[in-house]
């Protein structure tokens, strides 16, 4: 599955959080933890979730299953907030 940011957003990065404004509807979001990691991972390009998971496995001390669950939950939350687009399901 390939994902990309909604282009109609503005981001401010703080030490432990990203503040994201959805320019389409004016909503603000504070992204922390996995949401921030994912948001920063897809900053400038669309990414395949498999590649993100591979990278996270080298950076975080959690099992692949735990990281996969965290990644999919983060994708779901960002998609529901209309901050993320899923480009395909392959």
Protein backbone atom coordinates (compact mmCIF):
# COMPACT_ATOMS: atom_id res chain seq x y z
CA UNK A 1 0.00 0.00 0.00
CA UNK A 2 1.38 3.41 -0.95
CA UNK A 3 0.55 6.48 1.08
CA UNK A 4 1.10 10.19 0.70
CA UNK A 5 0.31 13.37 2.60
CA UNK A 6 -2.67 15.51 1.76
CA UNK A 7 -1.02 18.36 -0.13
CA UNK A 8 -3.41 20.87 1.41
CA UNK A 9 -1.67 20.86 4.80
CA UNK A 10 0.79 23.04 6.67
CA UNK A 11 3.13 21.54 9.25
CA UNK A 12 5.07 22.99 12.16
CA UNK A 13 7.53 20.62 13.81
CA UNK A 14 8.13 20.99 17.52
CA UNK A 15 10.45 18.91 19.69
CA UNK A 16 8.00 16.10 20.51
CA UNK A 17 5.05 16.97 18.29
CA UNK A 18 3.98 18.09 14.82
CA UNK A 19 1.18 20.57 14.49
CA UNK A 20 -0.65 20.03 11.22
CA UNK A 21 -3.27 22.33 9.73
CA UNK A 22 -5.64 20.89 7.15
CA UNK A 23 -6.03 23.85 4.80
CA UNK A 24 -9.18 22.36 3.28
CA UNK A 25 -11.23 22.52 6.47
CA UNK A 26 -9.17 24.58 8.94
CA UNK A 27 -8.74 21.76 11.47
CA UNK A 28 -5.56 21.54 13.54
CA UNK A 29 -4.01 18.27 14.66
CA UNK A 30 -1.24 17.57 17.18
CA UNK A 31 0.68 14.50 16.09
CA UNK A 32 2.83 12.67 18.61
CA UNK A 33 4.53 9.29 18.79
CA UNK A 34 3.80 7.00 15.85
CA UNK A 35 1.62 9.62 14.16
CA UNK A 36 4.51 12.09 14.15
CA UNK A 37 6.97 9.40 12.98
CA UNK A 38 4.69 8.45 10.10
CA UNK A 39 3.99 12.08 9.16
CA UNK A 40 7.70 12.86 9.02
CA UNK A 41 8.43 9.65 7.10
CA UNK A 42 6.16 10.68 4.22
CA UNK A 43 7.18 14.33 4.26
CA UNK A 44 8.18 14.80 0.63
CA UNK A 45 7.12 11.70 -1.22
CA UNK A 46 4.72 8.82 -1.36
CA UNK A 47 5.96 5.78 0.47
CA UNK A 48 5.19 2.11 0.48
CA UNK A 49 4.14 0.95 3.92
CA UNK A 50 6.43 -2.08 3.56
CA UNK A 51 9.44 0.24 3.28
CA UNK A 52 8.33 2.23 6.32
CA UNK A 53 7.97 -0.96 8.35
CA UNK A 54 11.46 -2.15 7.34
CA UNK A 55 12.94 1.18 8.45
CA UNK A 56 11.00 1.20 11.73
CA UNK A 57 12.26 -2.32 12.54
CA UNK A 58 15.84 -0.98 12.51
CA UNK A 59 14.97 2.10 14.59
CA UNK A 60 12.60 0.82 17.28
CA UNK A 61 12.89 -1.99 19.80
CA UNK A 62 9.55 -3.65 19.12
CA UNK A 63 8.45 -6.76 17.25
CA UNK A 64 7.45 -6.61 13.61
CA UNK A 65 3.88 -7.43 14.58
CA UNK A 66 3.75 -4.58 17.11
CA UNK A 67 5.22 -2.12 14.62
CA UNK A 68 2.85 -3.28 11.89
CA UNK A 69 -0.14 -2.72 14.18
CA UNK A 70 1.14 0.73 15.20
CA UNK A 71 1.70 1.67 11.54
CA UNK A 72 -1.75 0.54 10.41
CA UNK A 73 -3.45 2.32 13.32
CA UNK A 74 -1.54 5.52 12.51
CA UNK A 75 -2.50 5.24 8.82
CA UNK A 76 -6.15 4.74 9.77
CA UNK A 77 -6.17 7.75 12.11
CA UNK A 78 -4.44 10.06 9.62
CA UNK A 79 -6.74 8.91 6.81
CA UNK A 80 -9.85 9.55 8.93
CA UNK A 81 -8.51 13.04 9.68
CA UNK A 82 -8.09 13.59 5.92
CA UNK A 83 -4.38 14.22 6.32
CA UNK A 84 -3.25 11.13 4.44
CA UNK A 85 -4.15 9.55 1.12
CA UNK A 86 -3.89 5.86 0.32
CA UNK A 87 -2.89 5.71 -3.31
CA UNK A 88 -3.32 2.01 -3.88
CA UNK A 89 -3.93 -1.21 -2.02
CA UNK A 90 -1.19 -3.29 -3.68
